[in-house]
Amino acid sequence: MAKSRTRRSTGAVNTPGQFAIGVTNNPGNQASPVILYIRYDSRCQACDTKTGECKVKAGMCLIEGNCYKEGDGHPDAQTSENRPTCRPEHSQSSWHVIGMHVLIHHTS
């Protein structure tokens, strides 16, 4: 009796949080159709489920994988003076301090 093999592949797409998923009962063939699964926070992102393209919404920041609305401060800041703040007009992916740009960047 021939041994059966199970082939598992997520078919990861370039953007973190996105996966191409397909199911097949024939281990030698590619699954069809493949669907795109996108994991994102709808509070601060809008994603096109057909293309997989995601954008940060106006008035929001996506910093280190977390959503913040305009004016929210860094959660670990000890005082409100010079507290790094979400300022989408400066950057939607890094903290901003009045008078300077904080070098805390998240790349996706």
N, C-alpha and C. Protein backbone atom coordinates (compact mmCIF):
# COMPACT_ATOMS: atom_id res chain seq x y z
N MET A 1 0.84 -1.18 0.00
CA MET A 1 0.00 0.00 0.00
C MET A 1 0.89 1.25 0.00
N ALA A 2 0.59 2.17 -0.85
CA ALA A 2 1.40 3.39 -0.97
C ALA A 2 1.13 4.32 0.20
N LYS A 3 2.20 4.90 0.65
CA LYS A 3 2.09 5.88 1.73
C LYS A 3 1.55 7.18 1.16
N SER A 4 0.57 7.79 1.83
CA SER A 4 0.07 9.07 1.34
C SER A 4 0.81 10.21 2.01
N ARG A 5 1.02 11.26 1.29
CA ARG A 5 1.71 12.44 1.81
C ARG A 5 0.75 13.61 1.79
N THR A 6 0.86 14.42 2.82
CA THR A 6 0.05 15.63 2.88
C THR A 6 0.97 16.81 2.65
N ARG A 7 0.62 17.65 1.70
CA ARG A 7 1.43 18.82 1.39
C ARG A 7 0.69 20.04 1.90
N ARG A 8 1.35 20.78 2.76
CA ARG A 8 0.74 21.99 3.31
C ARG A 8 1.58 23.19 2.91
N SER A 9 0.90 24.18 2.38
CA SER A 9 1.59 25.39 1.99
C SER A 9 0.66 26.57 2.20
N THR A 10 1.16 27.60 2.90
CA THR A 10 0.34 28.78 3.10
C THR A 10 0.43 29.72 1.92
N GLY A 11 1.45 29.56 1.07
CA GLY A 11 1.59 30.45 -0.07
C GLY A 11 1.65 31.90 0.38
N ALA A 12 2.51 32.17 1.32
CA ALA A 12 2.57 33.50 1.93
C ALA A 12 2.74 34.60 0.89
N VAL A 13 1.97 35.64 1.01
CA VAL A 13 2.04 36.82 0.15
C VAL A 13 3.04 37.77 0.80
N ASN A 14 3.58 38.72 0.04
CA ASN A 14 4.63 39.61 0.54
C ASN A 14 4.25 40.44 1.76
N THR A 15 3.00 40.86 1.87
CA THR A 15 2.60 41.72 2.97
C THR A 15 2.31 40.89 4.22
N PRO A 16 2.87 41.26 5.39
CA PRO A 16 2.57 40.52 6.62
C PRO A 16 1.08 40.52 6.90
N GLY A 17 0.57 39.39 7.37
CA GLY A 17 -0.83 39.29 7.68
C GLY A 17 -1.69 38.83 6.52
N GLN A 18 -1.08 38.48 5.38
CA GLN A 18 -1.84 38.02 4.23
C GLN A 18 -1.35 36.64 3.82
N PHE A 19 -2.33 35.78 3.47
CA PHE A 19 -1.99 34.43 3.05
C PHE A 19 -2.89 34.01 1.91
N ALA A 20 -2.33 33.32 0.93
CA ALA A 20 -3.12 32.71 -0.12
C ALA A 20 -3.42 31.29 0.34
N ILE A 21 -4.69 30.92 0.41
CA ILE A 21 -5.09 29.63 0.96
C ILE A 21 -5.84 28.84 -0.11
N GLY A 22 -5.45 27.59 -0.27
CA GLY A 22 -6.13 26.70 -1.19
C GLY A 22 -6.23 25.31 -0.57
N VAL A 23 -7.24 24.55 -0.98
CA VAL A 23 -7.45 23.21 -0.45
C VAL A 23 -7.52 22.25 -1.63
N THR A 24 -6.86 21.10 -1.48
CA THR A 24 -6.92 20.08 -2.53
C THR A 24 -6.92 18.70 -1.89
N ASN A 25 -7.54 17.73 -2.57
CA ASN A 25 -7.47 16.35 -2.10
C ASN A 25 -6.56 15.52 -3.01
N ASN A 26 -5.85 16.20 -3.91
CA ASN A 26 -4.91 15.57 -4.82
C ASN A 26 -3.53 16.18 -4.55
N PRO A 27 -2.70 15.52 -3.72
CA PRO A 27 -1.43 16.11 -3.26
C PRO A 27 -0.47 16.57 -4.35
N GLY A 28 -0.58 16.11 -5.56
CA GLY A 28 0.34 16.52 -6.61
C GLY A 28 -0.08 17.77 -7.35
N ASN A 29 -1.29 18.23 -7.16
CA ASN A 29 -1.80 19.38 -7.91
C ASN A 29 -2.01 20.59 -7.02
N GLN A 30 -1.88 21.76 -7.64
CA GLN A 30 -2.13 23.00 -6.92
C GLN A 30 -3.63 23.16 -6.70
N ALA A 31 -3.99 23.64 -5.54
CA ALA A 31 -5.39 23.85 -5.22
C ALA A 31 -5.97 24.96 -6.07
N SER A 32 -7.25 24.81 -6.37
CA SER A 32 -7.92 25.83 -7.14
C SER A 32 -9.36 25.89 -6.68
N PRO A 33 -9.97 26.99 -6.47
CA PRO A 33 -9.36 28.32 -6.49
C PRO A 33 -8.64 28.63 -5.17
N VAL A 34 -7.73 29.54 -5.24
CA VAL A 34 -7.00 30.01 -4.06
C VAL A 34 -7.67 31.30 -3.60
N ILE A 35 -7.91 31.40 -2.30
CA ILE A 35 -8.50 32.63 -1.77
C ILE A 35 -7.46 33.41 -0.98
N LEU A 36 -7.64 34.70 -0.90
CA LEU A 36 -6.72 35.56 -0.16
C LEU A 36 -7.31 35.83 1.22
N TYR A 37 -6.57 35.50 2.25
CA TYR A 37 -6.97 35.77 3.64
C TYR A 37 -6.12 36.94 4.12
N ILE A 38 -6.76 38.00 4.60
CA ILE A 38 -6.06 39.18 5.08
C ILE A 38 -6.43 39.41 6.55
N ARG A 39 -5.42 39.44 7.40
CA ARG A 39 -5.64 39.75 8.81
C ARG A 39 -5.22 41.20 9.02
N TYR A 40 -6.17 42.06 9.41
CA TYR A 40 -5.87 43.47 9.61
C TYR A 40 -6.82 44.07 10.63
N ASP A 41 -6.48 45.23 11.14
CA ASP A 41 -7.31 45.94 12.12
C ASP A 41 -8.14 46.97 11.37
N SER A 42 -9.43 46.73 11.27
CA SER A 42 -10.31 47.61 10.48
C SER A 42 -10.52 48.98 11.14
N ARG A 43 -10.07 49.15 12.40
CA ARG A 43 -10.17 50.47 13.02
C ARG A 43 -9.24 51.46 12.33
N CYS A 44 -8.10 50.99 11.86
CA CYS A 44 -7.13 51.93 11.29
C CYS A 44 -6.71 51.59 9.86
N GLN A 45 -7.16 50.47 9.32
CA GLN A 45 -6.76 50.09 7.96
C GLN A 45 -7.99 49.79 7.11
N ALA A 46 -7.84 50.05 5.82
CA ALA A 46 -8.83 49.64 4.83
C ALA A 46 -8.10 48.76 3.84
N CYS A 47 -8.63 47.57 3.58
CA CYS A 47 -7.97 46.62 2.68
C CYS A 47 -8.89 46.24 1.54
N ASP A 48 -8.30 46.12 0.37
CA ASP A 48 -9.02 45.65 -0.81
C ASP A 48 -8.87 44.14 -0.85
N THR A 49 -9.97 43.42 -0.67
CA THR A 49 -9.91 41.96 -0.58
C THR A 49 -9.57 41.29 -1.91
N LYS A 50 -9.68 42.00 -3.00
CA LYS A 50 -9.33 41.42 -4.31
C LYS A 50 -7.83 41.54 -4.60
N THR A 51 -7.24 42.70 -4.29
CA THR A 51 -5.82 42.92 -4.59
C THR A 51 -4.93 42.66 -3.38
N GLY A 52 -5.49 42.71 -2.17
CA GLY A 52 -4.71 42.54 -0.96
C GLY A 52 -4.02 43.81 -0.51
N GLU A 53 -4.26 44.92 -1.20
CA GLU A 53 -3.62 46.19 -0.85
C GLU A 53 -4.32 46.79 0.37
N CYS A 54 -3.52 47.18 1.37
CA CYS A 54 -4.06 47.79 2.58
C CYS A 54 -3.47 49.18 2.75
N LYS A 55 -4.29 50.11 3.21
CA LYS A 55 -3.85 51.47 3.47
C LYS A 55 -4.31 51.88 4.86
N VAL A 56 -3.49 52.72 5.51
CA VAL A 56 -3.88 53.27 6.80
C VAL A 56 -4.91 54.36 6.56
N LYS A 57 -5.98 54.33 7.34
CA LYS A 57 -7.06 55.30 7.18
C LYS A 57 -6.60 56.70 7.60
N ALA A 58 -7.27 57.72 7.04
CA ALA A 58 -6.97 59.11 7.40
C ALA A 58 -7.22 59.30 8.89
N GLY A 59 -6.34 60.08 9.52
CA GLY A 59 -6.49 60.39 10.93
C GLY A 59 -6.04 59.28 11.87
N MET A 60 -5.37 58.26 11.31
CA MET A 60 -4.92 57.12 12.10
C MET A 60 -3.43 56.85 11.87
N CYS A 61 -2.82 56.15 12.83
CA CYS A 61 -1.44 55.70 12.71
C CYS A 61 -1.42 54.19 12.95
N LEU A 62 -0.54 53.51 12.25
CA LEU A 62 -0.27 52.10 12.47
C LEU A 62 1.21 52.01 12.81
N ILE A 63 1.50 51.92 14.09
CA ILE A 63 2.89 51.96 14.57
C ILE A 63 3.20 50.65 15.29
N GLU A 64 4.22 49.96 14.83
CA GLU A 64 4.65 48.69 15.40
C GLU A 64 3.49 47.71 15.52
N GLY A 65 2.62 47.71 14.50
CA GLY A 65 1.50 46.77 14.46
C GLY A 65 0.29 47.15 15.29
N ASN A 66 0.31 48.33 15.91
CA ASN A 66 -0.80 48.78 16.73
C ASN A 66 -1.45 50.03 16.15
N CYS A 67 -2.77 50.13 16.31
CA CYS A 67 -3.53 51.27 15.81
C CYS A 67 -3.62 52.37 16.85
N TYR A 68 -3.46 53.60 16.40
CA TYR A 68 -3.62 54.78 17.26
C TYR A 68 -4.35 55.84 16.46
N LYS A 69 -5.25 56.57 17.12
CA LYS A 69 -5.90 57.67 16.42
C LYS A 69 -5.09 58.94 16.65
N GLU A 70 -5.30 59.92 15.79
CA GLU A 70 -4.55 61.17 15.86
C GLU A 70 -4.63 61.75 17.27
N GLY A 71 -3.47 62.10 17.82
CA GLY A 71 -3.39 62.68 19.15
C GLY A 71 -3.10 61.67 20.25
N ASP A 72 -3.23 60.37 19.97
CA ASP A 72 -2.89 59.36 20.97
C ASP A 72 -1.40 59.41 21.26
N GLY A 73 -1.05 59.24 22.52
CA GLY A 73 0.35 59.25 22.92
C GLY A 73 0.93 57.85 23.01
N HIS A 74 2.25 57.79 22.98
CA HIS A 74 2.98 56.53 23.13
C HIS A 74 2.58 55.90 24.47
N PRO A 75 2.17 54.63 24.48
CA PRO A 75 1.68 54.01 25.71
C PRO A 75 2.73 53.87 26.82
N ASP A 76 4.01 53.88 26.48
CA ASP A 76 5.06 53.71 27.49
C ASP A 76 5.68 55.02 27.96
N ALA A 77 5.19 56.15 27.46
CA ALA A 77 5.76 57.45 27.85
C ALA A 77 5.44 57.72 29.32
N GLN A 78 6.44 58.18 30.05
CA GLN A 78 6.28 58.42 31.48
C GLN A 78 5.54 59.72 31.80
N THR A 79 5.76 60.75 30.99
CA THR A 79 5.11 62.03 31.22
C THR A 79 4.47 62.52 29.92
N SER A 80 3.59 63.51 30.05
CA SER A 80 2.96 64.05 28.85
C SER A 80 3.85 65.08 28.16
N GLU A 81 4.88 65.58 28.85
CA GLU A 81 5.79 66.55 28.24
C GLU A 81 6.66 65.85 27.21
N ASN A 82 6.68 66.37 26.00
CA ASN A 82 7.43 65.79 24.88
C ASN A 82 7.09 64.33 24.63
N ARG A 83 5.85 63.96 24.94
CA ARG A 83 5.40 62.59 24.74
C ARG A 83 5.25 62.31 23.24
N PRO A 84 5.86 61.23 22.75
CA PRO A 84 5.66 60.86 21.35
C PRO A 84 4.16 60.66 21.08
N THR A 85 3.70 61.21 19.97
CA THR A 85 2.27 61.24 19.66
C THR A 85 2.01 60.80 18.23
N CYS A 86 0.83 60.22 18.01
CA CYS A 86 0.39 59.89 16.65
C CYS A 86 0.00 61.18 15.96
N ARG A 87 0.74 61.55 14.93
CA ARG A 87 0.47 62.73 14.11
C ARG A 87 0.51 62.31 12.65
N PRO A 88 -0.63 61.82 12.11
CA PRO A 88 -0.65 61.29 10.75
C PRO A 88 -0.20 62.27 9.68
N GLU A 89 -0.32 63.57 9.94
CA GLU A 89 0.14 64.53 8.93
C GLU A 89 1.66 64.51 8.78
N HIS A 90 2.36 63.99 9.80
CA HIS A 90 3.82 63.86 9.74
C HIS A 90 4.21 62.45 9.29
N SER A 91 3.59 61.44 9.90
CA SER A 91 3.86 60.05 9.54
C SER A 91 2.76 59.17 10.12
N GLN A 92 2.31 58.19 9.35
CA GLN A 92 1.32 57.25 9.85
C GLN A 92 1.98 55.98 10.39
N SER A 93 3.32 55.93 10.35
CA SER A 93 4.00 54.72 10.79
C SER A 93 5.07 54.96 11.85
N SER A 94 5.19 56.19 12.36
CA SER A 94 6.18 56.45 13.41
C SER A 94 5.65 57.54 14.36
N TRP A 95 6.19 57.55 15.56
CA TRP A 95 5.82 58.55 16.56
C TRP A 95 6.39 59.91 16.22
N HIS A 96 5.74 60.96 16.68
CA HIS A 96 6.18 62.32 16.45
C HIS A 96 6.23 63.08 17.76
N VAL A 97 7.29 63.84 17.96
CA VAL A 97 7.41 64.72 19.12
C VAL A 97 7.52 66.13 18.59
N ILE A 98 6.82 67.07 19.18
CA ILE A 98 6.85 68.45 18.71
C ILE A 98 8.29 68.94 18.67
N GLY A 99 8.68 69.48 17.52
CA GLY A 99 10.02 70.01 17.35
C GLY A 99 11.02 69.00 16.82
N MET A 100 10.64 67.72 16.79
CA MET A 100 11.55 66.72 16.25
C MET A 100 10.76 65.50 15.83
N HIS A 101 11.40 64.68 15.04
CA HIS A 101 10.79 63.45 14.58
C HIS A 101 11.49 62.30 15.29
N VAL A 102 10.77 61.50 16.03
CA VAL A 102 11.35 60.40 16.79
C VAL A 102 11.76 59.29 15.84
N LEU A 103 12.92 58.72 16.09
CA LEU A 103 13.44 57.68 15.21
C LEU A 103 12.96 56.30 15.66
N ILE A 104 11.65 56.13 15.75
CA ILE A 104 11.05 54.83 16.01
C ILE A 104 10.21 54.54 14.77
N HIS A 105 10.72 53.73 13.89
CA HIS A 105 10.03 53.45 12.64
C HIS A 105 9.65 51.98 12.58
N HIS A 106 8.47 51.72 12.04
CA HIS A 106 8.03 50.35 11.78
C HIS A 106 7.96 50.19 10.28
N THR A 107 8.61 49.18 9.77
CA THR A 107 8.54 48.93 8.33
C THR A 107 7.71 47.68 8.12
N SER A 108 6.91 47.74 7.07
CA SER A 108 6.08 46.57 6.79
C SER A 108 6.51 45.90 5.53
